[in-house]
Amino acid sequence: ASKQKTKLGLILFFVYAVIYAGFVIIGLSYTHLLSIKVIVGLNLAVVYGIGLIILAIVMGYVYSLVCTHMEDKMEREARK
């Protein structure tokens, strides 16, 4: 299960890194876009930033659930 957990962790990391890189690229190259009002009067910078935080929490939760499932499955198979 360790290799599977590592693979899942790397996949989630690279997904997050690409999304975060989008935020950085916008911040460096298209700063005017960050001031655009997107939702309920909040600008893109705030919405994107909050979205990144929520995404990190969700990804951590998904990682935990999947890894727990992998460990449980491995434990059940070891008992057989």
N, C-alpha and C. Protein backbone atom coordinates (compact mmCIF):
# COMPACT_ATOMS: atom_id res chain seq x y z
N ALA A 1 0.83 -1.20 0.00
CA ALA A 1 0.00 0.00 0.00
C ALA A 1 0.86 1.26 0.00
N SER A 2 2.09 1.13 0.46
CA SER A 2 2.96 2.29 0.54
C SER A 2 3.23 2.91 -0.83
N LYS A 3 3.48 2.07 -1.83
CA LYS A 3 3.72 2.58 -3.19
C LYS A 3 2.46 3.25 -3.73
N GLN A 4 1.30 2.65 -3.45
CA GLN A 4 0.04 3.23 -3.92
C GLN A 4 -0.22 4.58 -3.25
N LYS A 5 0.07 4.67 -1.95
CA LYS A 5 -0.13 5.93 -1.24
C LYS A 5 0.83 7.00 -1.77
N THR A 6 2.05 6.59 -2.05
CA THR A 6 3.02 7.54 -2.61
C THR A 6 2.55 8.04 -3.97
N LYS A 7 2.08 7.12 -4.80
CA LYS A 7 1.59 7.50 -6.13
C LYS A 7 0.41 8.46 -6.02
N LEU A 8 -0.54 8.15 -5.15
CA LEU A 8 -1.70 9.02 -4.95
C LEU A 8 -1.25 10.39 -4.45
N GLY A 9 -0.33 10.41 -3.49
CA GLY A 9 0.17 11.67 -2.96
C GLY A 9 0.83 12.52 -4.03
N LEU A 10 1.61 11.88 -4.88
CA LEU A 10 2.27 12.62 -5.97
C LEU A 10 1.26 13.15 -6.98
N ILE A 11 0.26 12.35 -7.31
CA ILE A 11 -0.77 12.81 -8.24
C ILE A 11 -1.49 14.03 -7.68
N LEU A 12 -1.91 13.94 -6.42
CA LEU A 12 -2.61 15.07 -5.80
C LEU A 12 -1.70 16.29 -5.71
N PHE A 13 -0.43 16.07 -5.41
CA PHE A 13 0.53 17.18 -5.33
C PHE A 13 0.65 17.89 -6.67
N PHE A 14 0.81 17.11 -7.74
CA PHE A 14 1.00 17.74 -9.05
C PHE A 14 -0.28 18.43 -9.54
N VAL A 15 -1.44 17.87 -9.23
CA VAL A 15 -2.70 18.55 -9.57
C VAL A 15 -2.75 19.90 -8.86
N TYR A 16 -2.45 19.89 -7.56
CA TYR A 16 -2.47 21.13 -6.79
C TYR A 16 -1.42 22.11 -7.30
N ALA A 17 -0.23 21.60 -7.61
CA ALA A 17 0.85 22.46 -8.09
C ALA A 17 0.48 23.16 -9.39
N VAL A 18 -0.19 22.45 -10.29
CA VAL A 18 -0.60 23.05 -11.56
C VAL A 18 -1.64 24.15 -11.31
N ILE A 19 -2.59 23.87 -10.44
CA ILE A 19 -3.63 24.87 -10.14
C ILE A 19 -3.00 26.08 -9.44
N TYR A 20 -2.08 25.83 -8.52
CA TYR A 20 -1.39 26.92 -7.83
C TYR A 20 -0.53 27.72 -8.81
N ALA A 21 0.13 27.02 -9.73
CA ALA A 21 0.94 27.71 -10.74
C ALA A 21 0.08 28.66 -11.56
N GLY A 22 -1.15 28.26 -11.84
CA GLY A 22 -2.08 29.14 -12.54
C GLY A 22 -2.29 30.44 -11.77
N PHE A 23 -2.44 30.32 -10.46
CA PHE A 23 -2.61 31.50 -9.61
C PHE A 23 -1.37 32.38 -9.66
N VAL A 24 -0.20 31.77 -9.57
CA VAL A 24 1.06 32.52 -9.61
C VAL A 24 1.24 33.21 -10.96
N ILE A 25 0.95 32.50 -12.04
CA ILE A 25 1.09 33.08 -13.38
C ILE A 25 0.16 34.27 -13.55
N ILE A 26 -1.08 34.13 -13.09
CA ILE A 26 -2.01 35.26 -13.16
C ILE A 26 -1.46 36.42 -12.33
N GLY A 27 -0.95 36.12 -11.14
CA GLY A 27 -0.42 37.16 -10.27
C GLY A 27 0.79 37.87 -10.84
N LEU A 28 1.61 37.15 -11.58
CA LEU A 28 2.83 37.75 -12.14
C LEU A 28 2.61 38.42 -13.49
N SER A 29 1.77 37.82 -14.32
CA SER A 29 1.65 38.28 -15.71
C SER A 29 0.36 39.03 -16.03
N TYR A 30 -0.68 38.73 -15.30
CA TYR A 30 -1.99 39.31 -15.61
C TYR A 30 -2.62 39.88 -14.34
N THR A 31 -1.89 40.72 -13.66
CA THR A 31 -2.34 41.22 -12.35
C THR A 31 -3.69 41.92 -12.42
N HIS A 32 -4.00 42.52 -13.53
CA HIS A 32 -5.29 43.21 -13.66
C HIS A 32 -6.47 42.25 -13.52
N LEU A 33 -6.26 40.98 -13.86
CA LEU A 33 -7.35 39.99 -13.75
C LEU A 33 -7.72 39.71 -12.30
N LEU A 34 -6.76 39.85 -11.40
CA LEU A 34 -7.02 39.54 -10.00
C LEU A 34 -8.00 40.49 -9.35
N SER A 35 -8.17 41.67 -9.92
CA SER A 35 -9.10 42.64 -9.34
C SER A 35 -10.52 42.52 -9.88
N ILE A 36 -10.74 41.63 -10.83
CA ILE A 36 -12.07 41.44 -11.40
C ILE A 36 -12.99 40.84 -10.35
N LYS A 37 -14.16 41.45 -10.18
CA LYS A 37 -15.16 40.92 -9.24
C LYS A 37 -15.75 39.64 -9.82
N VAL A 38 -15.76 38.59 -9.02
CA VAL A 38 -16.18 37.28 -9.51
C VAL A 38 -17.48 36.83 -8.85
N ILE A 39 -17.47 36.74 -7.54
CA ILE A 39 -18.62 36.22 -6.80
C ILE A 39 -18.92 37.14 -5.62
N VAL A 40 -20.14 37.55 -5.46
CA VAL A 40 -20.62 38.33 -4.32
C VAL A 40 -19.69 39.50 -3.99
N GLY A 41 -19.21 40.16 -4.99
CA GLY A 41 -18.34 41.31 -4.80
C GLY A 41 -16.90 40.98 -4.45
N LEU A 42 -16.56 39.70 -4.40
CA LEU A 42 -15.18 39.30 -4.12
C LEU A 42 -14.39 39.23 -5.41
N ASN A 43 -13.14 39.68 -5.35
CA ASN A 43 -12.33 39.65 -6.57
C ASN A 43 -11.71 38.27 -6.79
N LEU A 44 -11.15 38.09 -7.97
CA LEU A 44 -10.58 36.80 -8.35
C LEU A 44 -9.47 36.37 -7.41
N ALA A 45 -8.66 37.30 -6.93
CA ALA A 45 -7.56 36.95 -6.02
C ALA A 45 -8.08 36.28 -4.76
N VAL A 46 -9.12 36.84 -4.18
CA VAL A 46 -9.70 36.28 -2.95
C VAL A 46 -10.36 34.95 -3.23
N VAL A 47 -11.15 34.88 -4.29
CA VAL A 47 -11.86 33.64 -4.62
C VAL A 47 -10.87 32.53 -4.95
N TYR A 48 -9.86 32.83 -5.74
CA TYR A 48 -8.85 31.84 -6.11
C TYR A 48 -8.09 31.38 -4.86
N GLY A 49 -7.71 32.34 -4.02
CA GLY A 49 -6.98 32.02 -2.79
C GLY A 49 -7.79 31.14 -1.85
N ILE A 50 -9.04 31.49 -1.63
CA ILE A 50 -9.91 30.67 -0.79
C ILE A 50 -10.12 29.31 -1.43
N GLY A 51 -10.27 29.30 -2.75
CA GLY A 51 -10.43 28.04 -3.47
C GLY A 51 -9.22 27.13 -3.29
N LEU A 52 -8.02 27.71 -3.31
CA LEU A 52 -6.81 26.92 -3.09
C LEU A 52 -6.78 26.31 -1.69
N ILE A 53 -7.20 27.09 -0.71
CA ILE A 53 -7.23 26.58 0.66
C ILE A 53 -8.24 25.45 0.78
N ILE A 54 -9.43 25.65 0.24
CA ILE A 54 -10.47 24.61 0.29
C ILE A 54 -10.02 23.37 -0.47
N LEU A 55 -9.41 23.57 -1.63
CA LEU A 55 -8.92 22.44 -2.42
C LEU A 55 -7.89 21.63 -1.63
N ALA A 56 -6.98 22.31 -0.94
CA ALA A 56 -5.97 21.60 -0.15
C ALA A 56 -6.62 20.77 0.95
N ILE A 57 -7.63 21.32 1.60
CA ILE A 57 -8.34 20.59 2.66
C ILE A 57 -9.06 19.38 2.08
N VAL A 58 -9.76 19.58 0.96
CA VAL A 58 -10.49 18.48 0.32
C VAL A 58 -9.52 17.39 -0.15
N MET A 59 -8.42 17.80 -0.76
CA MET A 59 -7.44 16.82 -1.22
C MET A 59 -6.84 16.04 -0.05
N GLY A 60 -6.58 16.70 1.05
CA GLY A 60 -6.08 16.02 2.24
C GLY A 60 -7.07 15.01 2.76
N TYR A 61 -8.34 15.39 2.76
CA TYR A 61 -9.41 14.49 3.22
C TYR A 61 -9.53 13.29 2.28
N VAL A 62 -9.52 13.53 0.99
CA VAL A 62 -9.59 12.45 0.00
C VAL A 62 -8.39 11.51 0.16
N TYR A 63 -7.21 12.09 0.33
CA TYR A 63 -6.01 11.27 0.51
C TYR A 63 -6.16 10.38 1.75
N SER A 64 -6.64 10.97 2.82
CA SER A 64 -6.83 10.21 4.06
C SER A 64 -7.83 9.08 3.87
N LEU A 65 -8.95 9.37 3.23
CA LEU A 65 -9.97 8.33 2.99
C LEU A 65 -9.44 7.19 2.13
N VAL A 66 -8.79 7.55 1.04
CA VAL A 66 -8.29 6.53 0.12
C VAL A 66 -7.20 5.70 0.79
N CYS A 67 -6.30 6.35 1.51
CA CYS A 67 -5.22 5.61 2.17
C CYS A 67 -5.76 4.70 3.26
N THR A 68 -6.75 5.17 4.01
CA THR A 68 -7.38 4.33 5.02
C THR A 68 -8.01 3.11 4.38
N HIS A 69 -8.68 3.32 3.25
CA HIS A 69 -9.28 2.20 2.52
C HIS A 69 -8.21 1.22 2.07
N MET A 70 -7.10 1.72 1.55
CA MET A 70 -6.00 0.85 1.10
C MET A 70 -5.44 0.04 2.27
N GLU A 71 -5.23 0.69 3.40
CA GLU A 71 -4.69 0.01 4.58
C GLU A 71 -5.66 -1.06 5.09
N ASP A 72 -6.95 -0.72 5.13
CA ASP A 72 -7.96 -1.68 5.58
C ASP A 72 -8.00 -2.89 4.65
N LYS A 73 -7.94 -2.65 3.36
CA LYS A 73 -7.96 -3.74 2.38
C LYS A 73 -6.73 -4.63 2.55
N MET A 74 -5.58 -4.01 2.73
CA MET A 74 -4.35 -4.77 2.91
C MET A 74 -4.40 -5.61 4.20
N GLU A 75 -4.97 -5.03 5.24
CA GLU A 75 -5.10 -5.74 6.51
C GLU A 75 -6.06 -6.93 6.39
N ARG A 76 -7.18 -6.74 5.68
CA ARG A 76 -8.13 -7.84 5.47
C ARG A 76 -7.49 -8.97 4.68
N GLU A 77 -6.72 -8.61 3.66
CA GLU A 77 -6.06 -9.63 2.83
C GLU A 77 -4.99 -10.38 3.63
N ALA A 78 -4.34 -9.69 4.56
CA ALA A 78 -3.30 -10.33 5.37
C ALA A 78 -3.90 -11.34 6.35
N ARG A 79 -5.14 -11.11 6.76
CA ARG A 79 -5.81 -12.01 7.71
C ARG A 79 -6.27 -13.30 7.06
N LYS A 80 -6.41 -13.30 5.75
CA LYS A 80 -6.93 -14.49 5.05
C LYS A 80 -5.95 -15.62 5.09
